[in-house]
PDB file of N, CA and C in Angstrom:
ATOM      1  N   UNK A   1     125.355 116.946  26.129  1.00  0.00           N
ATOM      2  CA  UNK A   1     126.763 117.778  26.611  1.00  0.00           C
ATOM      3  C   UNK A   1     125.670 118.661  27.840  1.00  0.00           C
ATOM      4  N   UNK A   2     124.911 118.991  27.894  1.00  0.00           N
ATOM      5  CA  UNK A   2     124.417 119.648  28.807  1.00  0.00           C
ATOM      6  C   UNK A   2     123.542 118.677  29.987  1.00  0.00           C
ATOM      7  N   UNK A   3     122.828 117.758  29.792  1.00  0.00           N
ATOM      8  CA  UNK A   3     122.492 116.711  30.000  1.00  0.00           C
ATOM      9  C   UNK A   3     123.471 115.911  31.250  1.00  0.00           C
ATOM     10  N   UNK A   4     124.708 115.908  30.463  1.00  0.00           N
ATOM     11  CA  UNK A   4     125.717 115.215  31.591  1.00  0.00           C
ATOM     12  C   UNK A   4     126.531 116.452  32.627  1.00  0.00           C
ATOM     13  N   UNK A   5     126.219 117.744  32.091  1.00  0.00           N
ATOM     14  CA  UNK A   5     127.129 118.478  32.996  1.00  0.00           C
ATOM     15  C   UNK A   5     125.648 118.280  34.322  1.00  0.00           C
ATOM     16  N   UNK A   6     124.254 118.304  33.967  1.00  0.00           N
ATOM     17  CA  UNK A   6     123.332 118.386  34.909  1.00  0.00           C
ATOM     18  C   UNK A   6     123.277 116.887  36.354  1.00  0.00           C
ATOM     19  N   UNK A   7     123.786 115.757  34.978  1.00  0.00           N
ATOM     20  CA  UNK A   7     124.125 114.726  35.668  1.00  0.00           C
ATOM     21  C   UNK A   7     125.138 115.197  36.847  1.00  0.00           C
ATOM     22  N   UNK A   8     126.210 115.664  36.170  1.00  0.00           N
ATOM     23  CA  UNK A   8     127.740 115.609  37.330  1.00  0.00           C
ATOM     24  C   UNK A   8     127.301 116.570  38.389  1.00  0.00           C
ATOM     25  N   UNK A   9     126.710 117.773  38.057  1.00  0.00           N
ATOM     26  CA  UNK A   9     126.210 118.588  39.361  1.00  0.00           C
ATOM     27  C   UNK A   9     125.249 117.935  40.174  1.00  0.00           C
ATOM     28  N   UNK A  10     124.321 117.050  39.651  1.00  0.00           N
ATOM     29  CA  UNK A  10     123.320 116.178  40.567  1.00  0.00           C
ATOM     30  C   UNK A  10     124.023 115.579  41.729  1.00  0.00           C
ATOM     31  N   UNK A  11     125.330 114.516  40.774  1.00  0.00           N
ATOM     32  CA  UNK A  11     126.239 113.622  41.545  1.00  0.00           C
ATOM     33  C   UNK A  11     126.882 114.432  42.509  1.00  0.00           C
ATOM     34  N   UNK A  12     127.341 115.819  42.199  1.00  0.00           N
ATOM     35  CA  UNK A  12     128.165 116.263  42.967  1.00  0.00           C
ATOM     36  C   UNK A  12     127.489 116.699  44.004  1.00  0.00           C
ATOM     37  N   UNK A  13     126.282 117.319  44.378  1.00  0.00           N
ATOM     38  CA  UNK A  13     125.143 117.764  45.274  1.00  0.00           C
ATOM     39  C   UNK A  13     125.056 116.767  46.189  1.00  0.00           C
ATOM     40  N   UNK A  14     125.051 114.843  45.938  1.00  0.00           N
ATOM     41  CA  UNK A  14     124.618 114.082  46.253  1.00  0.00           C
ATOM     42  C   UNK A  14     125.846 114.014  46.938  1.00  0.00           C
ATOM     43  N   UNK A  15     126.939 113.775  46.774  1.00  0.00           N
ATOM     44  CA  UNK A  15     128.008 113.528  47.120  1.00  0.00           C
ATOM     45  C   UNK A  15     128.263 114.774  48.568  1.00  0.00           C
ATOM     46  N   UNK A  16     127.986 115.657  48.081  1.00  0.00           N
ATOM     47  CA  UNK A  16     128.170 116.693  49.193  1.00  0.00           C
ATOM     48  C   UNK A  16     127.101 116.650  50.403  1.00  0.00           C
ATOM     49  N   UNK A  17     126.181 116.644  49.977  1.00  0.00           N
ATOM     50  CA  UNK A  17     124.971 116.309  50.750  1.00  0.00           C
ATOM     51  C   UNK A  17     125.425 114.827  52.234  1.00  0.00           C
ATOM     52  N   UNK A  18     126.321 113.741  51.310  1.00  0.00           N
ATOM     53  CA  UNK A  18     126.459 113.041  51.917  1.00  0.00           C
ATOM     54  C   UNK A  18     127.729 112.734  52.928  1.00  0.00           C
ATOM     55  N   UNK A  19     128.469 113.742  52.464  1.00  0.00           N
ATOM     56  CA  UNK A  19     129.749 114.013  53.529  1.00  0.00           C
ATOM     57  C   UNK A  19     129.149 115.208  54.344  1.00  0.00           C
ATOM     58  N   UNK A  20     128.376 115.734  53.971  1.00  0.00           N
ATOM     59  CA  UNK A  20     128.254 116.658  55.215  1.00  0.00           C
ATOM     60  C   UNK A  20     127.005 116.246  56.268  1.00  0.00           C
ATOM     61  N   UNK A  21     126.723 114.965  55.834  1.00  0.00           N
ATOM     62  CA  UNK A  21     125.699 114.026  57.136  1.00  0.00           C
ATOM     63  C   UNK A  21     126.731 112.864  57.631  1.00  0.00           C
ATOM     64  N   UNK A  22     127.894 112.581  56.906  1.00  0.00           N
ATOM     65  CA  UNK A  22     128.843 111.954  57.811  1.00  0.00           C
ATOM     66  C   UNK A  22     129.239 113.047  58.528  1.00  0.00           C
ATOM     67  N   UNK A  23     129.768 114.032  58.458  1.00  0.00           N
ATOM     68  CA  UNK A  23     130.294 114.790  58.988  1.00  0.00           C
ATOM     69  C   UNK A  23     129.801 115.100  60.646  1.00  0.00           C
ATOM     70  N   UNK A  24     128.404 115.435  60.234  1.00  0.00           N
ATOM     71  CA  UNK A  24     127.598 115.766  61.087  1.00  0.00           C
ATOM     72  C   UNK A  24     127.491 114.362  62.022  1.00  0.00           C
ATOM     73  N   UNK A  25     127.171 113.400  61.602  1.00  0.00           N
ATOM     74  CA  UNK A  25     127.078 112.328  62.651  1.00  0.00           C
ATOM     75  C   UNK A  25     128.438 111.806  63.502  1.00  0.00           C
ATOM     76  N   UNK A  26     129.916 111.893  62.662  1.00  0.00           N
ATOM     77  CA  UNK A  26     131.117 111.929  63.653  1.00  0.00           C
ATOM     78  C   UNK A  26     131.024 113.265  64.347  1.00  0.00           C
ATOM     79  N   UNK A  27     130.835 114.602  64.188  1.00  0.00           N
ATOM     80  CA  UNK A  27     130.555 115.743  64.987  1.00  0.00           C
ATOM     81  C   UNK A  27     130.055 115.031  66.456  1.00  0.00           C
ATOM     82  N   UNK A  28     128.635 114.734  66.574  1.00  0.00           N
ATOM     83  CA  UNK A  28     127.370 114.331  67.212  1.00  0.00           C
ATOM     84  C   UNK A  28     128.198 112.923  67.698  1.00  0.00           C
ATOM     85  N   UNK A  29     129.197 112.340  67.515  1.00  0.00           N
ATOM     86  CA  UNK A  29     128.993 111.068  68.088  1.00  0.00           C
ATOM     87  C   UNK A  29     130.153 111.530  69.082  1.00  0.00           C
ATOM     88  N   UNK A  30     131.200 112.141  68.364  1.00  0.00           N
ATOM     89  CA  UNK A  30     132.432 112.890  69.368  1.00  0.00           C
ATOM     90  C   UNK A  30     131.470 113.771  70.585  1.00  0.00           C
ATOM     91  N   UNK A  31     130.870 114.376  70.407  1.00  0.00           N
ATOM     92  CA  UNK A  31     129.873 115.414  71.354  1.00  0.00           C
ATOM     93  C   UNK A  31     129.345 114.386  72.240  1.00  0.00           C
ATOM     94  N   UNK A  32     128.594 113.149  72.019  1.00  0.00           N
ATOM     95  CA  UNK A  32     127.970 112.365  72.853  1.00  0.00           C
ATOM     96  C   UNK A  32     128.941 111.529  73.809  1.00  0.00           C
ATOM     97  N   UNK A  33     130.540 111.100  73.497  1.00  0.00           N
ATOM     98  CA  UNK A  33     131.460 110.822  73.890  1.00  0.00           C
ATOM     99  C   UNK A  33     131.876 111.195  75.250  1.00  0.00           C
ATOM    100  N   UNK A  34     132.397 112.799  74.688  1.00  0.00           N
ATOM    101  CA  UNK A  34     132.477 113.299  75.654  1.00  0.00           C
ATOM    102  C   UNK A  34     132.046 113.829  76.732  1.00  0.00           C
ATOM    103  N   UNK A  35     130.361 113.725  76.358  1.00  0.00           N
ATOM    104  CA  UNK A  35     129.696 114.014  77.567  1.00  0.00           C
ATOM    105  C   UNK A  35     129.286 112.590  78.560  1.00  0.00           C
ATOM    106  N   UNK A  36     129.467 111.612  77.705  1.00  0.00           N
ATOM    107  CA  UNK A  36     129.782 110.468  78.358  1.00  0.00           C
ATOM    108  C   UNK A  36     130.477 110.369  79.663  1.00  0.00           C
ATOM    109  N   UNK A  37     131.814 110.777  79.514  1.00  0.00           N
ATOM    110  CA  UNK A  37     132.876 110.654  79.878  1.00  0.00           C
ATOM    111  C   UNK A  37     133.040 112.062  81.064  1.00  0.00           C
ATOM    112  N   UNK A  38     132.307 112.852  80.654  1.00  0.00           N
ATOM    113  CA  UNK A  38     132.185 113.941  81.774  1.00  0.00           C
ATOM    114  C   UNK A  38     131.121 114.329  82.924  1.00  0.00           C
ATOM    115  N   UNK A  39     129.907 113.032  81.938  1.00  0.00           N
ATOM    116  CA  UNK A  39     129.043 112.604  83.158  1.00  0.00           C
ATOM    117  C   UNK A  39     129.739 111.462  84.056  1.00  0.00           C
ATOM    118  N   UNK A  40     130.601 110.514  83.368  1.00  0.00           N
ATOM    119  CA  UNK A  40     131.310 109.307  84.545  1.00  0.00           C
ATOM    120  C   UNK A  40     132.319 109.821  85.396  1.00  0.00           C
ATOM    121  N   UNK A  41     133.059 110.811  85.127  1.00  0.00           N
ATOM    122  CA  UNK A  41     133.819 111.874  85.896  1.00  0.00           C
ATOM    123  C   UNK A  41     133.356 112.302  87.094  1.00  0.00           C
ATOM    124  N   UNK A  42     131.592 113.224  86.833  1.00  0.00           N
ATOM    125  CA  UNK A  42     130.946 113.863  87.513  1.00  0.00           C
ATOM    126  C   UNK A  42     130.538 112.432  88.727  1.00  0.00           C
ATOM    127  N   UNK A  43     130.455 111.452  88.312  1.00  0.00           N
ATOM    128  CA  UNK A  43     129.429 110.666  88.935  1.00  0.00           C
ATOM    129  C   UNK A  43     130.269 109.266  89.638  1.00  0.00           C
ATOM    130  N   UNK A  44     131.250 109.906  90.037  1.00  0.00           N
ATOM    131  CA  UNK A  44     132.333 109.143  90.683  1.00  0.00           C
ATOM    132  C   UNK A  44     131.764 109.138  92.255  1.00  0.00           C
ATOM    133  N   UNK A  45     131.606 108.525  92.860  1.00  0.00           N
ATOM    134  CA  UNK A  45     130.759 108.406  94.193  1.00  0.00           C
ATOM    135  C   UNK A  45     132.312 109.196  95.189  1.00  0.00           C
ATOM    136  N   UNK A  46     131.461 109.934  96.162  1.00  0.00           N
ATOM    137  CA  UNK A  46     132.686 110.502  96.924  1.00  0.00           C
ATOM    138  C   UNK A  46     132.238 110.293  98.413  1.00  0.00           C
ATOM    139  N   UNK A  47     133.333 110.561  99.379  1.00  0.00           N
ATOM    140  CA  UNK A  47     132.581 109.888 100.691  1.00  0.00           C
ATOM    141  C   UNK A  47     132.049 111.466 101.054  1.00  0.00           C
ATOM    142  N   UNK A  48     131.166 111.201 102.001  1.00  0.00           N
ATOM    143  CA  UNK A  48     130.549 112.250 102.557  1.00  0.00           C
ATOM    144  C   UNK A  48     130.792 112.307 104.187  1.00  0.00           C
ATOM    145  N   UNK A  49     130.307 113.446 104.711  1.00  0.00           N
ATOM    146  CA  UNK A  49     131.172 113.556 105.582  1.00  0.00           C
ATOM    147  C   UNK A  49     130.070 113.157 107.150  1.00  0.00           C
ATOM    148  N   UNK A  50     130.419 112.441 107.924  1.00  0.00           N
ATOM    149  CA  UNK A  50     129.995 111.399 108.574  1.00  0.00           C
ATOM    150  C   UNK A  50     128.822 113.088 109.865  1.00  0.00           C
ATOM    151  N   UNK A  51     127.784 112.633 109.872  1.00  0.00           N
ATOM    152  CA  UNK A  51     127.057 113.971 111.081  1.00  0.00           C
ATOM    153  C   UNK A  51     127.325 113.764 112.082  1.00  0.00           C
ATOM    154  N   UNK A  52     127.251 115.094 112.871  1.00  0.00           N
ATOM    155  CA  UNK A  52     127.743 115.087 113.869  1.00  0.00           C
ATOM    156  C   UNK A  52     126.648 114.669 114.731  1.00  0.00           C
ATOM    157  N   UNK A  53     126.857 113.805 115.849  1.00  0.00           N
ATOM    158  CA  UNK A  53     126.157 113.307 116.907  1.00  0.00           C
ATOM    159  C   UNK A  53     125.743 113.923 118.029  1.00  0.00           C
ATOM    160  N   UNK A  54     126.881 114.756 118.560  1.00  0.00           N
ATOM    161  CA  UNK A  54     127.095 115.294 119.436  1.00  0.00           C
ATOM    162  C   UNK A  54     126.461 116.562 119.751  1.00  0.00           C
ATOM    163  N   UNK A  55     126.035 117.018 118.682  1.00  0.00           N
ATOM    164  CA  UNK A  55     124.905 118.095 119.134  1.00  0.00           C
ATOM    165  C   UNK A  55     123.586 117.522 119.145  1.00  0.00           C
ATOM    166  N   UNK A  56     122.637 117.812 120.540  1.00  0.00           N
ATOM    167  CA  UNK A  56     121.295 117.399 120.591  1.00  0.00           C
ATOM    168  C   UNK A  56     120.285 117.807 118.916  1.00  0.00           C
ATOM    169  N   UNK A  57     119.463 116.672 118.555  1.00  0.00           N
ATOM    170  CA  UNK A  57     118.467 117.202 117.445  1.00  0.00           C
ATOM    171  C   UNK A  57     117.267 117.934 117.957  1.00  0.00           C
ATOM    172  N   UNK A  58     116.932 119.219 117.714  1.00  0.00           N
ATOM    173  CA  UNK A  58     116.024 119.720 118.021  1.00  0.00           C
ATOM    174  C   UNK A  58     114.800 120.012 116.491  1.00  0.00           C
ATOM    175  N   UNK A  59     113.916 119.471 116.741  1.00  0.00           N
ATOM    176  CA  UNK A  59     113.190 119.369 115.667  1.00  0.00           C
ATOM    177  C   UNK A  59     112.133 121.025 115.828  1.00  0.00           C
ATOM    178  N   UNK A  60     112.156 121.337 114.262  1.00  0.00           N
ATOM    179  CA  UNK A  60     111.376 122.683 114.365  1.00  0.00           C
ATOM    180  C   UNK A  60     110.269 122.510 114.551  1.00  0.00           C
ATOM    181  N   UNK A  61     109.525 123.491 114.620  1.00  0.00           N
ATOM    182  CA  UNK A  61     107.710 123.109 114.446  1.00  0.00           C
ATOM    183  C   UNK A  61     107.295 123.702 113.187  1.00  0.00           C
ATOM    184  N   UNK A  62     106.567 122.978 112.593  1.00  0.00           N
ATOM    185  CA  UNK A  62     105.589 122.829 111.198  1.00  0.00           C
ATOM    186  C   UNK A  62     105.480 123.794 111.427  1.00  0.00           C
ATOM    187  N   UNK A  63     105.088 124.649 109.954  1.00  0.00           N
ATOM    188  CA  UNK A  63     104.103 125.485 109.574  1.00  0.00           C
ATOM    189  C   UNK A  63     103.341 125.312 109.225  1.00  0.00           C
ATOM    190  N   UNK A  64     102.875 124.064 108.560  1.00  0.00           N
ATOM    191  CA  UNK A  64     101.400 123.624 108.528  1.00  0.00           C
ATOM    192  C   UNK A  64     100.438 123.265 109.425  1.00  0.00           C
ATOM    193  N   UNK A  65      99.012 123.894 108.733  1.00  0.00           N
ATOM    194  CA  UNK A  65      97.777 123.730 109.882  1.00  0.00           C
ATOM    195  C   UNK A  65      98.301 122.532 110.161  1.00  0.00           C
ATOM    196  N   UNK A  66      97.273 122.399 111.465  1.00  0.00           N
ATOM    197  CA  UNK A  66      96.919 121.208 112.322  1.00  0.00           C
ATOM    198  C   UNK A  66      95.720 120.553 111.282  1.00  0.00           C
ATOM    199  N   UNK A  67      95.323 118.605 111.131  1.00  0.00           N
ATOM    200  CA  UNK A  67      94.516 118.280 110.254  1.00  0.00           C
ATOM    201  C   UNK A  67      93.194 118.026 111.440  1.00  0.00           C
ATOM    202  N   UNK A  68      92.214 118.459 110.238  1.00  0.00           N
ATOM    203  CA  UNK A  68      90.982 118.834 111.013  1.00  0.00           C
ATOM    204  C   UNK A  68      90.110 117.767 111.078  1.00  0.00           C
ATOM    205  N   UNK A  69      89.524 116.768 112.349  1.00  0.00           N
ATOM    206  CA  UNK A  69      89.206 115.358 112.266  1.00  0.00           C
ATOM    207  C   UNK A  69      87.610 115.666 111.765  1.00  0.00           C
ATOM    208  N   UNK A  70      87.534 114.767 111.141  1.00  0.00           N
ATOM    209  CA  UNK A  70      86.001 114.050 110.669  1.00  0.00           C
ATOM    210  C   UNK A  70      85.508 113.056 111.442  1.00  0.00           C
ATOM    211  N   UNK A  71      84.243 113.065 111.367  1.00  0.00           N
ATOM    212  CA  UNK A  71      83.114 112.257 112.007  1.00  0.00           C
ATOM    213  C   UNK A  71      83.598 110.536 111.412  1.00  0.00           C
ATOM    214  N   UNK A  72      83.888 109.606 111.727  1.00  0.00           N
ATOM    215  CA  UNK A  72      83.427 108.520 110.874  1.00  0.00           C
ATOM    216  C   UNK A  72      82.314 108.093 110.640  1.00  0.00           C
ATOM    217  N   UNK A  73      82.352 107.702 109.413  1.00  0.00           N
ATOM    218  CA  UNK A  73      81.032 107.043 108.471  1.00  0.00           C
ATOM    219  C   UNK A  73      80.916 106.119 109.008  1.00  0.00           C
ATOM    220  N   UNK A  74      79.691 105.485 110.023  1.00  0.00           N
ATOM    221  CA  UNK A  74      79.526 103.884 110.662  1.00  0.00           C
ATOM    222  C   UNK A  74      78.262 103.674 109.350  1.00  0.00           C
ATOM    223  N   UNK A  75      77.903 103.798 108.735  1.00  0.00           N
ATOM    224  CA  UNK A  75      76.729 103.607 107.835  1.00  0.00           C
ATOM    225  C   UNK A  75      77.830 102.910 106.742  1.00  0.00           C
ATOM    226  N   UNK A  76      77.239 101.750 105.967  1.00  0.00           N
ATOM    227  CA  UNK A  76      77.557 100.880 105.038  1.00  0.00           C
ATOM    228  C   UNK A  76      76.631 101.411 103.840  1.00  0.00           C
ATOM    229  N   UNK A  77      77.113 101.910 102.927  1.00  0.00           N
ATOM    230  CA  UNK A  77      76.701 102.232 101.282  1.00  0.00           C
ATOM    231  C   UNK A  77      75.792 101.151 100.965  1.00  0.00           C
ATOM    232  N   UNK A  78      74.614 101.608 100.831  1.00  0.00           N
ATOM    233  CA  UNK A  78      73.533 100.238 100.045  1.00  0.00           C
ATOM    234  C   UNK A  78      74.110  99.727  99.084  1.00  0.00           C
ATOM    235  N   UNK A  79      75.033 100.057  98.245  1.00  0.00           N
ATOM    236  CA  UNK A  79      75.115  99.034  97.333  1.00  0.00           C
ATOM    237  C   UNK A  79      76.861  97.834  97.736  1.00  0.00           C
ATOM    238  N   UNK A  80      76.910  98.231  98.905  1.00  0.00           N
ATOM    239  CA  UNK A  80      77.756  97.354  99.229  1.00  0.00           C
ATOM    240  C   UNK A  80      77.349  96.342 100.497  1.00  0.00           C
ATOM    241  N   UNK A  81      75.920  96.017 101.027  1.00  0.00           N
ATOM    242  CA  UNK A  81      75.412  95.637 101.952  1.00  0.00           C
ATOM    243  C   UNK A  81      75.000  94.321 101.003  1.00  0.00           C
ATOM    244  N   UNK A  82      74.917  93.330 102.025  1.00  0.00           N
ATOM    245  CA  UNK A  82      74.545  91.900 101.281  1.00  0.00           C
ATOM    246  C   UNK A  82      72.896  91.922 101.121  1.00  0.00           C
ATOM    247  N   UNK A  83      72.903  91.021  99.379  1.00  0.00           N
ATOM    248  CA  UNK A  83      71.123  91.431  99.428  1.00  0.00           C
ATOM    249  C   UNK A  83      70.194  90.648 100.634  1.00  0.00           C
ATOM    250  N   UNK A  84      70.721  89.890 101.195  1.00  0.00           N
ATOM    251  CA  UNK A  84      69.634  88.845 102.033  1.00  0.00           C
ATOM    252  C   UNK A  84      69.546  90.248 103.057  1.00  0.00           C
ATOM    253  N   UNK A  85      70.265  90.415 103.428  1.00  0.00           N
ATOM    254  CA  UNK A  85      70.282  91.692 104.647  1.00  0.00           C
ATOM    255  C   UNK A  85      70.396  93.040 104.576  1.00  0.00           C
ATOM    256  N   UNK A  86      69.235  93.376 103.509  1.00  0.00           N
ATOM    257  CA  UNK A  86      68.915  94.698 103.016  1.00  0.00           C
ATOM    258  C   UNK A  86      68.673  95.601 104.200  1.00  0.00           C
ATOM    259  N   UNK A  87      69.129  96.423 105.283  1.00  0.00           N
ATOM    260  CA  UNK A  87      68.991  96.988 106.385  1.00  0.00           C
ATOM    261  C   UNK A  87      69.864  98.449 106.370  1.00  0.00           C
ATOM    262  N   UNK A  88      69.600  99.595 106.543  1.00  0.00           N
ATOM    263  CA  UNK A  88      70.517 100.884 106.454  1.00  0.00           C
ATOM    264  C   UNK A  88      70.304 100.592 107.383  1.00  0.00           C
ATOM    265  N   UNK A  89      71.788 101.259 108.067  1.00  0.00           N
ATOM    266  CA  UNK A  89      71.570 101.615 109.378  1.00  0.00           C
ATOM    267  C   UNK A  89      71.215 103.011 109.788  1.00  0.00           C
ATOM    268  N   UNK A  90      70.041 103.713 109.479  1.00  0.00           N
ATOM    269  CA  UNK A  90      68.889 103.942 110.104  1.00  0.00           C
ATOM    270  C   UNK A  90      67.635 102.964 110.321  1.00  0.00           C
ATOM    271  N   UNK A  91      67.447 102.555 109.748  1.00  0.00           N
ATOM    272  CA  UNK A  91      66.653 101.323 110.083  1.00  0.00           C
ATOM    273  C   UNK A  91      67.025 100.154 111.736  1.00  0.00           C
ATOM    274  N   UNK A  92      68.786  99.936 111.478  1.00  0.00           N
ATOM    275  CA  UNK A  92      69.293  99.378 112.817  1.00  0.00           C
ATOM    276  C   UNK A  92      68.940 100.019 113.730  1.00  0.00           C
ATOM    277  N   UNK A  93      69.365 101.462 113.578  1.00  0.00           N
ATOM    278  CA  UNK A  93      69.403 102.067 115.048  1.00  0.00           C
ATOM    279  C   UNK A  93      68.689 102.948 115.707  1.00  0.00           C
ATOM    280  N   UNK A  94      66.837 102.330 114.957  1.00  0.00           N
ATOM    281  CA  UNK A  94      65.896 102.963 115.350  1.00  0.00           C
ATOM    282  C   UNK A  94      65.417 102.018 117.217  1.00  0.00           C
ATOM    283  N   UNK A  95      64.571 102.484 117.917  1.00  0.00           N
ATOM    284  CA  UNK A  95      64.294 101.805 118.293  1.00  0.00           C
ATOM    285  C   UNK A  95      63.308 100.880 118.526  1.00  0.00           C
ATOM    286  N   UNK A  96      62.485 100.924 117.407  1.00  0.00           N
ATOM    287  CA  UNK A  96      61.546  99.576 116.603  1.00  0.00           C
ATOM    288  C   UNK A  96      62.486  98.365 116.764  1.00  0.00           C
ATOM    289  N   UNK A  97      63.476  98.944 116.238  1.00  0.00           N
ATOM    290  CA  UNK A  97      64.170  97.195 115.593  1.00  0.00           C
ATOM    291  C   UNK A  97      64.602  96.430 116.764  1.00  0.00           C
ATOM    292  N   UNK A  98      64.870  97.519 117.899  1.00  0.00           N
ATOM    293  CA  UNK A  98      65.474  96.585 119.107  1.00  0.00           C
ATOM    294  C   UNK A  98      64.161  96.224 120.336  1.00  0.00           C
ATOM    295  N   UNK A  99      63.053  97.112 119.607  1.00  0.00           N
ATOM    296  CA  UNK A  99      61.671  96.431 120.443  1.00  0.00           C
ATOM    297  C   UNK A  99      61.488  95.282 119.906  1.00  0.00           C
ATOM    298  N   UNK A 100      61.750  94.780 118.612  1.00  0.00           N
ATOM    299  CA  UNK A 100      61.099  93.742 118.099  1.00  0.00           C
ATOM    300  C   UNK A 100      61.888  91.952 118.098  1.00  0.00           C
ATOM    301  N   UNK A 101      62.762  93.127 118.291  1.00  0.00           N
ATOM    302  CA  UNK A 101      64.434  92.021 118.435  1.00  0.00           C
ATOM    303  C   UNK A 101      64.191  90.941 119.862  1.00  0.00           C
ATOM    304  N   UNK A 102      63.763  91.316 120.570  1.00  0.00           N
ATOM    305  CA  UNK A 102      63.159  90.459 121.750  1.00  0.00           C
ATOM    306  C   UNK A 102      62.048  89.166 121.205  1.00  0.00           C
ATOM    307  N   UNK A 103      60.953  90.196 121.010  1.00  0.00           N
ATOM    308  CA  UNK A 103      59.973  89.133 120.362  1.00  0.00           C
ATOM    309  C   UNK A 103      60.113  88.153 119.444  1.00  0.00           C
ATOM    310  N   UNK A 104      60.670  88.680 118.484  1.00  0.00           N
ATOM    311  CA  UNK A 104      61.030  87.937 117.207  1.00  0.00           C
ATOM    312  C   UNK A 104      61.870  86.149 118.205  1.00  0.00           C
ATOM    313  N   UNK A 105      62.668  86.825 118.810  1.00  0.00           N
ATOM    314  CA  UNK A 105      63.694  85.161 119.245  1.00  0.00           C
ATOM    315  C   UNK A 105      62.473  84.699 120.402  1.00  0.00           C
ATOM    316  N   UNK A 106      61.304  84.898 121.292  1.00  0.00           N
ATOM    317  CA  UNK A 106      60.196  84.837 121.805  1.00  0.00           C
ATOM    318  C   UNK A 106      59.656  83.813 120.288  1.00  0.00           C
ATOM    319  N   UNK A 107      59.306  84.321 119.750  1.00  0.00           N
ATOM    320  CA  UNK A 107      58.641  83.315 118.602  1.00  0.00           C
ATOM    321  C   UNK A 107      59.555  82.254 117.884  1.00  0.00           C
ATOM    322  N   UNK A 108      60.668  82.322 117.996  1.00  0.00           N
ATOM    323  CA  UNK A 108      61.455  81.451 117.241  1.00  0.00           C
ATOM    324  C   UNK A 108      61.766  80.393 118.125  1.00  0.00           C
ATOM    325  N   UNK A 109      61.766  80.630 119.458  1.00  0.00           N
ATOM    326  CA  UNK A 109      61.381  79.401 120.658  1.00  0.00           C
ATOM    327  C   UNK A 109      60.002  79.072 121.073  1.00  0.00           C
ATOM    328  N   UNK A 110      59.304  79.469 120.994  1.00  0.00           N
ATOM    329  CA  UNK A 110      58.074  78.881 120.609  1.00  0.00           C
ATOM    330  C   UNK A 110      57.887  78.127 119.424  1.00  0.00           C
ATOM    331  N   UNK A 111      58.561  78.403 118.003  1.00  0.00           N
ATOM    332  CA  UNK A 111      57.955  77.547 117.028  1.00  0.00           C
ATOM    333  C   UNK A 111      59.200  76.285 117.105  1.00  0.00           C
ATOM    334  N   UNK A 112      59.823  76.118 117.903  1.00  0.00           N
ATOM    335  CA  UNK A 112      61.015  75.252 117.830  1.00  0.00           C
ATOM    336  C   UNK A 112      60.585  74.164 119.131  1.00  0.00           C
ATOM    337  N   UNK A 113      59.869  75.023 120.112  1.00  0.00           N
ATOM    338  CA  UNK A 113      59.380  74.307 121.184  1.00  0.00           C
ATOM    339  C   UNK A 113      58.082  73.106 120.851  1.00  0.00           C
ATOM    340  N   UNK A 114      57.153  73.899 119.961  1.00  0.00           N
ATOM    341  CA  UNK A 114      56.244  73.344 119.064  1.00  0.00           C
ATOM    342  C   UNK A 114      56.705  72.103 118.010  1.00  0.00           C
ATOM    343  N   UNK A 115      57.354  72.287 117.269  1.00  0.00           N
ATOM    344  CA  UNK A 115      57.947  71.488 116.529  1.00  0.00           C
ATOM    345  C   UNK A 115      58.605  69.804 117.026  1.00  0.00           C
ATOM    346  N   UNK A 116      59.611  70.341 118.658  1.00  0.00           N
ATOM    347  CA  UNK A 116      59.719  69.430 119.331  1.00  0.00           C
ATOM    348  C   UNK A 116      58.730  68.360 120.150  1.00  0.00           C
ATOM    349  N   UNK A 117      57.796  69.016 120.492  1.00  0.00           N
ATOM    350  CA  UNK A 117      56.651  68.474 120.797  1.00  0.00           C
ATOM    351  C   UNK A 117      55.810  67.490 119.947  1.00  0.00           C
ATOM    352  N   UNK A 118      55.657  68.013 118.757  1.00  0.00           N
ATOM    353  CA  UNK A 118      54.785  67.136 117.857  1.00  0.00           C
ATOM    354  C   UNK A 118      55.323  65.878 117.730  1.00  0.00           C
TER     355      UNK A 118
END
């Protein structure tokens, strides 16, 4: 007898929980539908007034500080240079490189002439 009453209480409790869940889901669904209706009503596109073009536009002065220019970096980083031409910008800008340039051209021309004559 006691077991039957306990089973009946458990079944009743399960039914109440199920009914509570269904009621809560129905209430939540109604709230969502009302929210959707309200949002759709608010989001109806409305005409905006045309701006007045008869008044001249006077821009306001900016309150930001002007940008400070930085020196440009003409040096190419070592890891970005071509492997066969591993000269830094310091090597190329020195006078020694400029002095060797004409002599190397003269040497190349002399070698070329020697090959032609042979």
